[in-house]
Amino acid sequence: MAKKQKEQPVLTLDGEEYFAEDMTDEQLRIKDHLADLSNKLNTNVFIGEQLSVSRESFVNMFRASLEKDDQEEPKVEEAQVVEA
């Protein structure tokens, strides 16, 4: 009978590989937390990039708005003469 090979390691920590079949229930739960936190960190980096680019876009829109205001001619309102 062929010897059963272990699956791929599910966690590598400090250069050591750990396999799900060798972990306790507590270790499996902690491993799941670590995987979830890694995913959240990656997602937040991605979201941070999106927010940074979006913010810069709004800054540029505001600058363009200021330039537009500077280029517009001042409005002259009609004056009304009041006789005393």
N, C-alpha and C. Protein backbone atom coordinates (compact mmCIF):
# COMPACT_ATOMS: atom_id res chain seq x y z
N MET A 1 0.84 -1.17 0.00
CA MET A 1 0.00 0.00 0.00
C MET A 1 0.89 1.24 0.00
N ALA A 2 0.53 2.23 -0.82
CA ALA A 2 1.32 3.45 -0.94
C ALA A 2 1.15 4.32 0.30
N LYS A 3 2.23 4.97 0.65
CA LYS A 3 2.20 5.85 1.81
C LYS A 3 1.45 7.13 1.43
N LYS A 4 0.55 7.55 2.30
CA LYS A 4 -0.24 8.75 2.06
C LYS A 4 0.66 9.99 2.20
N GLN A 5 0.64 10.83 1.15
CA GLN A 5 1.43 12.06 1.19
C GLN A 5 0.63 13.15 1.89
N LYS A 6 1.36 13.99 2.61
CA LYS A 6 0.71 15.12 3.25
C LYS A 6 0.35 16.16 2.20
N GLU A 7 -0.71 16.89 2.51
CA GLU A 7 -1.13 17.97 1.63
C GLU A 7 -0.11 19.10 1.69
N GLN A 8 -0.33 20.11 0.87
CA GLN A 8 0.50 21.30 0.90
C GLN A 8 0.37 21.97 2.27
N PRO A 9 1.43 22.62 2.73
CA PRO A 9 1.31 23.31 4.01
C PRO A 9 0.29 24.44 3.92
N VAL A 10 -0.46 24.60 4.97
CA VAL A 10 -1.47 25.66 5.00
C VAL A 10 -0.95 26.89 5.71
N LEU A 11 0.20 26.76 6.36
CA LEU A 11 0.78 27.89 7.07
C LEU A 11 2.28 27.71 7.15
N THR A 12 2.99 28.77 6.86
CA THR A 12 4.44 28.78 7.06
C THR A 12 4.74 29.91 8.03
N LEU A 13 5.38 29.57 9.13
CA LEU A 13 5.68 30.55 10.17
C LEU A 13 7.12 30.36 10.62
N ASP A 14 7.89 31.42 10.56
CA ASP A 14 9.30 31.38 10.96
C ASP A 14 10.07 30.28 10.24
N GLY A 15 9.76 30.11 8.95
CA GLY A 15 10.46 29.12 8.13
C GLY A 15 9.98 27.69 8.32
N GLU A 16 9.02 27.49 9.19
CA GLU A 16 8.48 26.15 9.47
C GLU A 16 7.13 25.98 8.78
N GLU A 17 6.93 24.85 8.15
CA GLU A 17 5.66 24.57 7.46
C GLU A 17 4.74 23.77 8.38
N TYR A 18 3.47 24.16 8.37
CA TYR A 18 2.47 23.50 9.20
C TYR A 18 1.34 23.01 8.32
N PHE A 19 0.85 21.81 8.62
CA PHE A 19 -0.19 21.15 7.85
C PHE A 19 -1.47 21.08 8.67
N ALA A 20 -2.59 21.29 8.00
CA ALA A 20 -3.89 21.29 8.68
C ALA A 20 -4.13 19.98 9.42
N GLU A 21 -3.73 18.88 8.84
CA GLU A 21 -3.99 17.58 9.47
C GLU A 21 -3.23 17.39 10.79
N ASP A 22 -2.20 18.21 11.00
CA ASP A 22 -1.41 18.11 12.23
C ASP A 22 -1.82 19.14 13.28
N MET A 23 -2.76 20.00 12.95
CA MET A 23 -3.13 21.10 13.85
C MET A 23 -4.30 20.71 14.75
N THR A 24 -4.30 21.33 15.93
CA THR A 24 -5.44 21.16 16.83
C THR A 24 -6.57 22.06 16.34
N ASP A 25 -7.75 21.88 16.90
CA ASP A 25 -8.88 22.74 16.53
C ASP A 25 -8.56 24.21 16.82
N GLU A 26 -7.92 24.46 17.94
CA GLU A 26 -7.55 25.83 18.28
C GLU A 26 -6.58 26.41 17.25
N GLN A 27 -5.59 25.62 16.85
CA GLN A 27 -4.61 26.08 15.87
C GLN A 27 -5.26 26.33 14.52
N LEU A 28 -6.19 25.47 14.14
CA LEU A 28 -6.91 25.68 12.88
C LEU A 28 -7.71 26.98 12.92
N ARG A 29 -8.34 27.26 14.05
CA ARG A 29 -9.11 28.49 14.20
C ARG A 29 -8.19 29.72 14.12
N ILE A 30 -7.05 29.64 14.78
CA ILE A 30 -6.08 30.75 14.73
C ILE A 30 -5.56 30.93 13.30
N LYS A 31 -5.30 29.82 12.61
CA LYS A 31 -4.84 29.88 11.22
C LYS A 31 -5.88 30.56 10.35
N ASP A 32 -7.17 30.27 10.59
CA ASP A 32 -8.25 30.91 9.83
C ASP A 32 -8.29 32.42 10.10
N HIS A 33 -8.06 32.80 11.36
CA HIS A 33 -8.00 34.23 11.70
C HIS A 33 -6.84 34.90 10.98
N LEU A 34 -5.69 34.25 10.97
CA LEU A 34 -4.52 34.81 10.29
C LEU A 34 -4.79 35.00 8.80
N ALA A 35 -5.40 34.01 8.18
CA ALA A 35 -5.70 34.10 6.74
C ALA A 35 -6.69 35.23 6.49
N ASP A 36 -7.72 35.33 7.33
CA ASP A 36 -8.72 36.38 7.16
C ASP A 36 -8.10 37.76 7.35
N LEU A 37 -7.25 37.91 8.35
CA LEU A 37 -6.60 39.20 8.58
C LEU A 37 -5.66 39.57 7.44
N SER A 38 -4.96 38.61 6.89
CA SER A 38 -4.10 38.88 5.73
C SER A 38 -4.93 39.37 4.55
N ASN A 39 -6.06 38.72 4.31
CA ASN A 39 -6.95 39.15 3.22
C ASN A 39 -7.46 40.57 3.47
N LYS A 40 -7.85 40.87 4.70
CA LYS A 40 -8.36 42.21 5.02
C LYS A 40 -7.28 43.26 4.85
N LEU A 41 -6.06 42.94 5.26
CA LEU A 41 -4.97 43.90 5.08
C LEU A 41 -4.72 44.17 3.60
N ASN A 42 -4.72 43.13 2.79
CA ASN A 42 -4.54 43.31 1.34
C ASN A 42 -5.67 44.13 0.75
N THR A 43 -6.89 43.86 1.19
CA THR A 43 -8.05 44.61 0.70
C THR A 43 -7.94 46.07 1.09
N ASN A 44 -7.51 46.34 2.31
CA ASN A 44 -7.40 47.72 2.77
C ASN A 44 -6.29 48.48 2.06
N VAL A 45 -5.22 47.81 1.70
CA VAL A 45 -4.17 48.44 0.90
C VAL A 45 -4.77 48.84 -0.45
N PHE A 46 -5.52 47.94 -1.06
CA PHE A 46 -6.17 48.19 -2.35
C PHE A 46 -7.14 49.36 -2.24
N ILE A 47 -7.96 49.36 -1.20
CA ILE A 47 -8.92 50.45 -0.98
C ILE A 47 -8.18 51.76 -0.73
N GLY A 48 -7.08 51.70 0.01
CA GLY A 48 -6.28 52.90 0.26
C GLY A 48 -5.76 53.50 -1.03
N GLU A 49 -5.33 52.66 -1.96
CA GLU A 49 -4.88 53.15 -3.26
C GLU A 49 -6.02 53.84 -4.00
N GLN A 50 -7.19 53.22 -3.98
CA GLN A 50 -8.35 53.82 -4.64
C GLN A 50 -8.71 55.17 -4.01
N LEU A 51 -8.70 55.23 -2.69
CA LEU A 51 -9.05 56.47 -2.00
C LEU A 51 -8.02 57.57 -2.28
N SER A 52 -6.77 57.20 -2.33
CA SER A 52 -5.71 58.17 -2.60
C SER A 52 -5.87 58.77 -4.00
N VAL A 53 -6.12 57.92 -4.97
CA VAL A 53 -6.31 58.40 -6.35
C VAL A 53 -7.57 59.25 -6.45
N SER A 54 -8.63 58.82 -5.79
CA SER A 54 -9.89 59.58 -5.81
C SER A 54 -9.71 60.94 -5.15
N ARG A 55 -9.02 60.97 -4.03
CA ARG A 55 -8.79 62.24 -3.33
C ARG A 55 -8.01 63.20 -4.22
N GLU A 56 -6.97 62.70 -4.87
CA GLU A 56 -6.17 63.54 -5.76
C GLU A 56 -7.02 64.08 -6.91
N SER A 57 -7.94 63.28 -7.38
CA SER A 57 -8.85 63.72 -8.44
C SER A 57 -9.72 64.88 -7.97
N PHE A 58 -10.25 64.77 -6.75
CA PHE A 58 -11.06 65.86 -6.21
C PHE A 58 -10.23 67.11 -5.94
N VAL A 59 -9.00 66.95 -5.52
CA VAL A 59 -8.12 68.10 -5.34
C VAL A 59 -7.92 68.80 -6.69
N ASN A 60 -7.68 68.01 -7.73
CA ASN A 60 -7.52 68.59 -9.07
C ASN A 60 -8.79 69.26 -9.55
N MET A 61 -9.95 68.67 -9.25
CA MET A 61 -11.21 69.29 -9.62
C MET A 61 -11.37 70.64 -8.91
N PHE A 62 -10.99 70.71 -7.65
CA PHE A 62 -11.10 71.95 -6.90
C PHE A 62 -10.16 73.01 -7.48
N ARG A 63 -8.93 72.60 -7.80
CA ARG A 63 -7.98 73.54 -8.42
C ARG A 63 -8.53 74.08 -9.74
N ALA A 64 -9.09 73.19 -10.55
CA ALA A 64 -9.67 73.61 -11.83
C ALA A 64 -10.81 74.58 -11.60
N SER A 65 -11.60 74.35 -10.57
CA SER A 65 -12.70 75.24 -10.25
C SER A 65 -12.19 76.62 -9.86
N LEU A 66 -11.10 76.66 -9.09
CA LEU A 66 -10.51 77.94 -8.70
C LEU A 66 -9.98 78.70 -9.92
N GLU A 67 -9.34 77.98 -10.82
CA GLU A 67 -8.82 78.61 -12.04
C GLU A 67 -9.97 79.14 -12.89
N LYS A 68 -11.06 78.40 -12.94
CA LYS A 68 -12.23 78.82 -13.70
C LYS A 68 -12.80 80.11 -13.12
N ASP A 69 -12.87 80.19 -11.79
CA ASP A 69 -13.36 81.40 -11.12
C ASP A 69 -12.46 82.59 -11.41
N ASP A 70 -11.13 82.35 -11.43
CA ASP A 70 -10.19 83.44 -11.68
C ASP A 70 -10.29 83.95 -13.12
N GLN A 71 -10.68 83.10 -14.05
CA GLN A 71 -10.74 83.48 -15.45
C GLN A 71 -12.04 84.18 -15.82
N GLU A 72 -13.05 84.00 -15.03
CA GLU A 72 -14.33 84.64 -15.31
C GLU A 72 -14.22 86.13 -15.04
N GLU A 73 -14.89 86.91 -15.89
CA GLU A 73 -14.88 88.35 -15.69
C GLU A 73 -15.82 88.69 -14.54
N PRO A 74 -15.43 89.71 -13.77
CA PRO A 74 -16.30 90.09 -12.66
C PRO A 74 -17.63 90.62 -13.19
N LYS A 75 -18.68 90.30 -12.50
CA LYS A 75 -20.01 90.75 -12.89
C LYS A 75 -20.19 92.20 -12.40
N VAL A 76 -20.69 93.04 -13.30
CA VAL A 76 -20.95 94.42 -12.94
C VAL A 76 -22.45 94.57 -12.79
N GLU A 77 -22.84 94.94 -11.61
CA GLU A 77 -24.26 95.13 -11.37
C GLU A 77 -24.61 96.58 -11.65
N GLU A 78 -25.79 96.77 -12.15
CA GLU A 78 -26.22 98.14 -12.43
C GLU A 78 -26.41 98.87 -11.13
N ALA A 79 -25.99 100.12 -11.15
CA ALA A 79 -26.14 100.98 -9.97
C ALA A 79 -27.41 101.80 -10.12
N GLN A 80 -28.03 102.03 -9.05
CA GLN A 80 -29.24 102.83 -9.04
C GLN A 80 -28.95 104.11 -8.28
N VAL A 81 -29.26 105.20 -8.89
CA VAL A 81 -29.01 106.48 -8.26
C VAL A 81 -30.23 106.86 -7.44
N VAL A 82 -29.95 107.17 -6.21
CA VAL A 82 -31.04 107.57 -5.31
C VAL A 82 -30.90 109.08 -5.10
N GLU A 83 -31.95 109.80 -5.45
CA GLU A 83 -31.90 111.26 -5.27
C GLU A 83 -32.31 111.59 -3.85
N ALA A 84 -31.61 112.52 -3.31
CA ALA A 84 -31.91 112.91 -1.94
C ALA A 84 -32.79 114.13 -1.89
